[in-house]
Amino acid sequence: MSDINTSLPVGFEALSPFVEFWAADTAAKRAQCRDSSDEADRAAFYSAMNALISDALTYLDAKPLSEFDDSDQRLMQLALSFAHVSMAVELQREEEPRHALNRPYMRITRAPSDRAAEQ
């Protein structure tokens, strides 16, 4: 059993099984999650997040980043990972493995969303 805390804000408990893998704290780590996941993993995460993303964004937008607790931060990390996975599921579909071959050459080193991880 993992020691990672998978708690999320009330109403988002259905996403708890995805926290350990998908709640990465930097853009580079989120890209790595996408690259190391398989189609079934991406589809399961996409389906769960897609059902809750509107509610998650409404919840997260209701408070300043400076007031996020750990569970809020995990939800934000899942939402950011959803953006990566959406590209694979909605746009690249069966071509995702072919596109993944080129991603090691386009490394993400830092993104604006990484500021919270740096503090």
Protein backbone atom coordinates (compact mmCIF):
# COMPACT_ATOMS: atom_id res chain seq x y z
CA MET A 1 0.00 0.00 0.00
CA SER A 2 1.32 3.45 -0.91
CA ASP A 3 2.03 6.20 1.59
CA ILE A 4 0.89 8.86 -0.89
CA ASN A 5 -2.04 10.93 0.30
CA THR A 6 -4.77 10.69 -2.31
CA SER A 7 -7.35 12.84 -0.56
CA LEU A 8 -9.20 15.34 -2.68
CA PRO A 9 -11.80 18.00 -1.92
CA VAL A 10 -15.31 16.78 -1.13
CA GLY A 11 -17.12 15.80 -4.29
CA PHE A 12 -14.02 14.64 -6.14
CA GLU A 13 -13.41 11.34 -4.35
CA ALA A 14 -13.99 9.40 -7.59
CA LEU A 15 -10.66 10.77 -8.81
CA SER A 16 -8.68 9.39 -5.84
CA PRO A 17 -7.50 6.26 -7.68
CA PHE A 18 -5.73 8.50 -10.19
CA VAL A 19 -3.85 10.76 -7.76
CA GLU A 20 -0.78 8.62 -7.20
CA PHE A 21 0.04 8.39 -10.91
CA TRP A 22 -1.46 11.54 -12.47
CA ALA A 23 -1.10 14.27 -9.79
CA ALA A 24 2.40 15.29 -10.87
CA ASP A 25 3.72 18.60 -9.60
CA THR A 26 5.49 19.87 -12.74
CA ALA A 27 4.69 20.05 -16.44
CA ALA A 28 7.65 17.81 -17.23
CA LYS A 29 6.40 15.14 -14.83
CA ARG A 30 2.87 15.38 -16.27
CA ALA A 31 4.30 14.87 -19.75
CA GLN A 32 6.25 11.89 -18.43
CA CYS A 33 3.02 10.43 -17.00
CA ARG A 34 1.40 10.73 -20.40
CA ASP A 35 4.39 9.12 -22.09
CA SER A 36 4.61 6.23 -19.65
CA SER A 37 0.87 5.50 -19.59
CA ASP A 38 -0.85 3.14 -21.95
CA GLU A 39 -4.05 3.71 -23.88
CA ALA A 40 -6.23 2.03 -21.23
CA ASP A 41 -4.71 4.16 -18.44
CA ARG A 42 -5.25 7.35 -20.42
CA ALA A 43 -8.82 6.38 -21.32
CA ALA A 44 -9.75 5.59 -17.72
CA PHE A 45 -8.26 8.83 -16.41
CA TYR A 46 -9.81 10.84 -19.23
CA SER A 47 -13.26 9.37 -18.61
CA ALA A 48 -13.15 10.06 -14.87
CA MET A 49 -11.77 13.59 -15.26
CA ASN A 50 -14.02 14.47 -18.18
CA ALA A 51 -17.06 13.82 -15.99
CA LEU A 52 -15.76 16.18 -13.28
CA ILE A 53 -13.55 18.74 -15.02
CA SER A 54 -16.21 21.45 -15.18
CA ASP A 55 -16.96 21.09 -11.47
CA ALA A 56 -13.24 20.91 -10.67
CA LEU A 57 -12.48 24.13 -12.52
CA THR A 58 -15.42 25.90 -10.87
CA TYR A 59 -14.20 24.71 -7.47
CA LEU A 60 -10.58 25.70 -8.10
CA ASP A 61 -11.49 29.09 -9.56
CA ALA A 62 -13.43 29.95 -6.40
CA LYS A 63 -10.28 30.54 -4.31
CA PRO A 64 -6.86 32.09 -4.82
CA LEU A 65 -3.93 29.73 -5.43
CA SER A 66 -2.35 31.02 -2.23
CA GLU A 67 -5.24 29.52 -0.27
CA PHE A 68 -5.05 26.02 -1.80
CA ASP A 69 -4.54 23.25 0.72
CA ASP A 70 -2.92 19.94 -0.23
CA SER A 71 -6.16 18.38 -1.47
CA ASP A 72 -6.88 21.43 -3.65
CA GLN A 73 -3.36 21.24 -5.06
CA ARG A 74 -3.83 17.56 -5.94
CA LEU A 75 -7.07 18.42 -7.75
CA MET A 76 -5.26 21.18 -9.67
CA GLN A 77 -2.49 18.75 -10.63
CA LEU A 78 -5.09 16.29 -11.93
CA ALA A 79 -6.74 19.06 -13.96
CA LEU A 80 -3.38 19.99 -15.48
CA SER A 81 -2.67 16.34 -16.30
CA PHE A 82 -6.09 16.17 -17.93
CA ALA A 83 -4.90 18.77 -20.45
CA HIS A 84 -2.03 16.46 -21.44
CA VAL A 85 -4.25 13.40 -21.66
CA SER A 86 -6.96 15.23 -23.59
CA MET A 87 -4.49 15.81 -26.41
CA ALA A 88 -3.77 12.10 -26.58
CA VAL A 89 -7.37 10.94 -26.31
CA GLU A 90 -9.23 13.58 -28.31
CA LEU A 91 -6.74 14.63 -30.97
CA GLN A 92 -4.01 12.09 -31.49
CA ARG A 93 -6.08 8.99 -30.73
CA GLU A 94 -4.53 5.94 -32.39
CA GLU A 95 -1.60 8.08 -33.56
CA GLU A 96 -0.52 8.78 -29.94
CA PRO A 97 2.22 6.08 -29.95
CA ARG A 98 3.69 7.56 -33.15
CA HIS A 99 3.67 11.09 -31.69
CA ALA A 100 5.19 9.82 -28.44
CA LEU A 101 8.32 8.78 -30.33
CA ASN A 102 9.19 12.45 -30.95
CA ARG A 103 8.40 13.82 -27.50
CA PRO A 104 11.82 12.99 -25.98
CA TYR A 105 13.26 15.54 -28.42
CA MET A 106 10.87 18.28 -27.28
CA ARG A 107 11.57 18.22 -23.56
CA ILE A 108 9.56 20.36 -21.21
CA THR A 109 11.89 21.99 -18.74
CA ARG A 110 9.60 24.53 -17.10
CA ALA A 111 6.06 25.89 -17.46
CA PRO A 112 4.11 28.71 -15.76
CA SER A 113 2.13 26.11 -13.82
CA ASP A 114 5.38 24.95 -12.19
CA ARG A 115 5.66 28.05 -9.98
CA ALA A 116 3.71 26.37 -7.17
CA ALA A 117 6.10 23.39 -7.19
CA GLU A 118 9.10 25.73 -6.96
CA GLN A 119 7.90 27.47 -3.80
